[in-house]
Amino acid sequence: MRRSVQWFYFNILAYSTAAVFVRLSILATLLRIVSSPGYKYSIYVAIATIIAVALQGIIFLLVQCKPISWYWDRSTGSGSCVSSAAIRGNTIATNFTAAVTDVYSAVLPIILLWNVQVNLRSKLLVCIILSLGAL
C-alpha cells in the first residue's frame, strides 16, 4: 500500500510538470501564428498564469507534508500534513486555472483563423488541429 501511494505522489508531481510543458508548447505555437499585439499580450498573460499556477501547485505538493515521506508512510516517527480542505482548495484553484487556459488555447485558433481567406474545409481542419490542445 505504501509503495502505491508513493508512486501516486510522484505521478502527480510528474504529470503536473509535464502538463505545464504541453500547455506552454501549444501557446508558443499560437504565439508564432499571431501578429496582433493584443493577441500576443493575451498569450503572454496565459503563459505567465500557467507558469505561476504550476509553480504554486508543485511547491504546494512538495510542502504539503513534513517530511515528504509522511504523505505515504505515517508510521515513521512524527510528521504532519496540511488540512484536506487546503488540499481540496488548492486542487480546485489549480484545475480551474488549467481548464480556463485550455479552453483559451482551444478557442484562440478558431478566432484567429475565422477571417482567413481559405476554403471552409481547410479552415475547419486547421482549427481542429490547432484546438487539439483542449484534449
Protein backbone atom coordinates (compact mmCIF):
# COMPACT_ATOMS: atom_id res chain seq x y z
CA MET A 1 0.00 0.00 0.00
CA ARG A 2 2.76 2.45 0.89
CA ARG A 3 4.51 1.82 -2.38
CA SER A 4 1.38 2.55 -4.42
CA VAL A 5 0.75 5.82 -2.53
CA GLN A 6 4.39 6.77 -3.04
CA TRP A 7 4.10 6.12 -6.79
CA PHE A 8 0.84 8.07 -6.83
CA TYR A 9 2.61 11.05 -5.22
CA PHE A 10 5.42 11.01 -7.76
CA ASN A 11 2.89 10.51 -10.58
CA ILE A 12 1.09 13.71 -9.52
CA LEU A 13 4.42 15.55 -9.50
CA ALA A 14 5.45 14.21 -12.92
CA TYR A 15 2.05 14.83 -14.51
CA SER A 16 1.86 18.37 -13.15
CA THR A 17 5.27 19.15 -14.60
CA ALA A 18 4.59 17.52 -17.97
CA ALA A 19 1.18 19.19 -18.38
CA VAL A 20 2.80 22.60 -17.99
CA PHE A 21 5.17 21.96 -20.87
CA VAL A 22 2.34 20.71 -23.10
CA ARG A 23 0.28 23.84 -22.41
CA LEU A 24 3.29 26.09 -22.94
CA SER A 25 4.19 24.45 -26.24
CA ILE A 26 0.66 24.97 -27.56
CA LEU A 27 0.73 28.63 -26.58
CA ALA A 28 4.22 29.07 -28.03
CA THR A 29 2.91 27.70 -31.33
CA LEU A 30 -0.01 30.10 -31.24
CA LEU A 31 2.40 32.93 -30.44
CA ARG A 32 4.23 32.25 -33.70
CA ILE A 33 0.97 32.46 -35.66
CA VAL A 34 -0.36 35.65 -34.10
CA SER A 35 0.63 39.07 -35.42
CA SER A 36 -1.69 41.32 -33.42
CA PRO A 37 -0.13 42.84 -30.28
CA GLY A 38 -3.38 42.31 -28.37
CA TYR A 39 -3.42 38.58 -29.03
CA LYS A 40 0.29 38.32 -28.24
CA TYR A 41 -0.25 40.10 -24.94
CA SER A 42 -3.12 37.76 -24.03
CA ILE A 43 -0.97 34.73 -24.86
CA TYR A 44 1.84 36.08 -22.68
CA VAL A 45 -0.66 36.54 -19.85
CA ALA A 46 -1.83 32.94 -20.30
CA ILE A 47 1.79 31.71 -20.30
CA ALA A 48 2.58 33.65 -17.13
CA THR A 49 -0.59 32.35 -15.48
CA ILE A 50 0.24 28.75 -16.37
CA ILE A 51 3.79 29.05 -15.06
CA ALA A 52 2.71 30.78 -11.84
CA VAL A 53 -0.07 28.32 -11.06
CA ALA A 54 2.13 25.34 -11.94
CA LEU A 55 4.95 26.52 -9.70
CA GLN A 56 2.50 27.16 -6.89
CA GLY A 57 0.93 23.71 -7.33
CA ILE A 58 4.26 21.89 -7.44
CA ILE A 59 5.59 23.77 -4.42
CA PHE A 60 2.35 23.09 -2.56
CA LEU A 61 2.67 19.38 -3.35
CA LEU A 62 6.25 19.34 -2.11
CA VAL A 63 5.49 21.10 1.17
CA GLN A 64 2.03 19.76 1.98
CA CYS A 65 3.54 17.10 4.25
CA LYS A 66 6.57 17.45 6.50
CA PRO A 67 8.55 15.32 5.93
CA ILE A 68 7.54 14.48 2.35
CA SER A 69 7.59 10.77 3.16
CA TRP A 70 4.77 11.36 5.66
CA TYR A 71 2.46 11.52 2.60
CA TRP A 72 2.82 7.78 2.02
CA ASP A 73 4.27 6.43 5.29
CA ARG A 74 2.78 7.73 8.51
CA SER A 75 4.50 5.10 10.64
CA THR A 76 7.89 6.84 10.52
CA GLY A 77 8.03 8.99 13.63
CA SER A 78 6.31 12.33 13.70
CA GLY A 79 5.10 14.43 10.82
CA SER A 80 2.15 16.42 9.63
CA CYS A 81 0.22 17.38 6.53
CA VAL A 82 -1.91 20.39 5.74
CA SER A 83 -5.64 20.00 6.12
CA SER A 84 -7.68 18.23 3.48
CA ALA A 85 -9.64 21.46 2.98
CA ALA A 86 -6.42 23.26 1.98
CA ILE A 87 -5.52 20.44 -0.41
CA ARG A 88 -9.02 20.49 -1.90
CA GLY A 89 -8.97 24.29 -2.31
CA ASN A 90 -5.56 24.22 -3.97
CA THR A 91 -6.65 21.42 -6.29
CA ILE A 92 -9.82 23.25 -7.31
CA ALA A 93 -7.97 26.51 -7.98
CA THR A 94 -5.22 24.79 -9.96
CA ASN A 95 -7.63 22.71 -12.04
CA PHE A 96 -9.92 25.70 -12.69
CA THR A 97 -6.98 27.72 -14.00
CA ALA A 98 -5.84 24.81 -16.14
CA ALA A 99 -9.34 24.43 -17.59
CA VAL A 100 -9.61 28.13 -18.40
CA THR A 101 -6.23 28.21 -20.14
CA ASP A 102 -7.08 25.01 -22.02
CA VAL A 103 -10.34 26.49 -23.30
CA TYR A 104 -8.49 29.68 -24.24
CA SER A 105 -5.89 27.63 -26.14
CA ALA A 106 -8.64 25.76 -27.96
CA VAL A 107 -10.77 28.76 -28.89
CA LEU A 108 -8.00 31.17 -29.89
CA PRO A 109 -7.08 29.32 -33.13
CA ILE A 110 -10.73 29.43 -34.19
CA ILE A 111 -10.88 33.17 -33.58
CA LEU A 112 -7.58 33.74 -35.39
CA LEU A 113 -8.49 31.73 -38.45
CA TRP A 114 -12.13 32.76 -38.81
CA ASN A 115 -11.43 35.57 -41.29
CA VAL A 116 -8.58 33.90 -43.16
CA GLN A 117 -9.22 33.62 -46.90
CA VAL A 118 -9.14 29.83 -47.39
CA ASN A 119 -11.88 27.39 -48.18
CA LEU A 120 -14.10 26.25 -45.33
CA ARG A 121 -12.81 22.66 -45.30
CA SER A 122 -9.19 23.76 -44.88
CA LYS A 123 -10.16 26.30 -42.27
CA LEU A 124 -12.04 23.69 -40.24
CA LEU A 125 -9.20 21.17 -40.44
CA VAL A 126 -6.62 23.70 -39.29
CA CYS A 127 -8.88 24.87 -36.47
CA ILE A 128 -9.41 21.29 -35.31
CA ILE A 129 -5.69 20.51 -35.40
CA LEU A 130 -4.73 23.66 -33.55
CA SER A 131 -7.50 23.14 -30.99
CA LEU A 132 -6.34 19.65 -30.06
CA GLY A 133 -4.67 21.26 -27.07
CA ALA A 134 -8.03 21.20 -25.31
CA LEU A 135 -7.84 17.45 -25.08
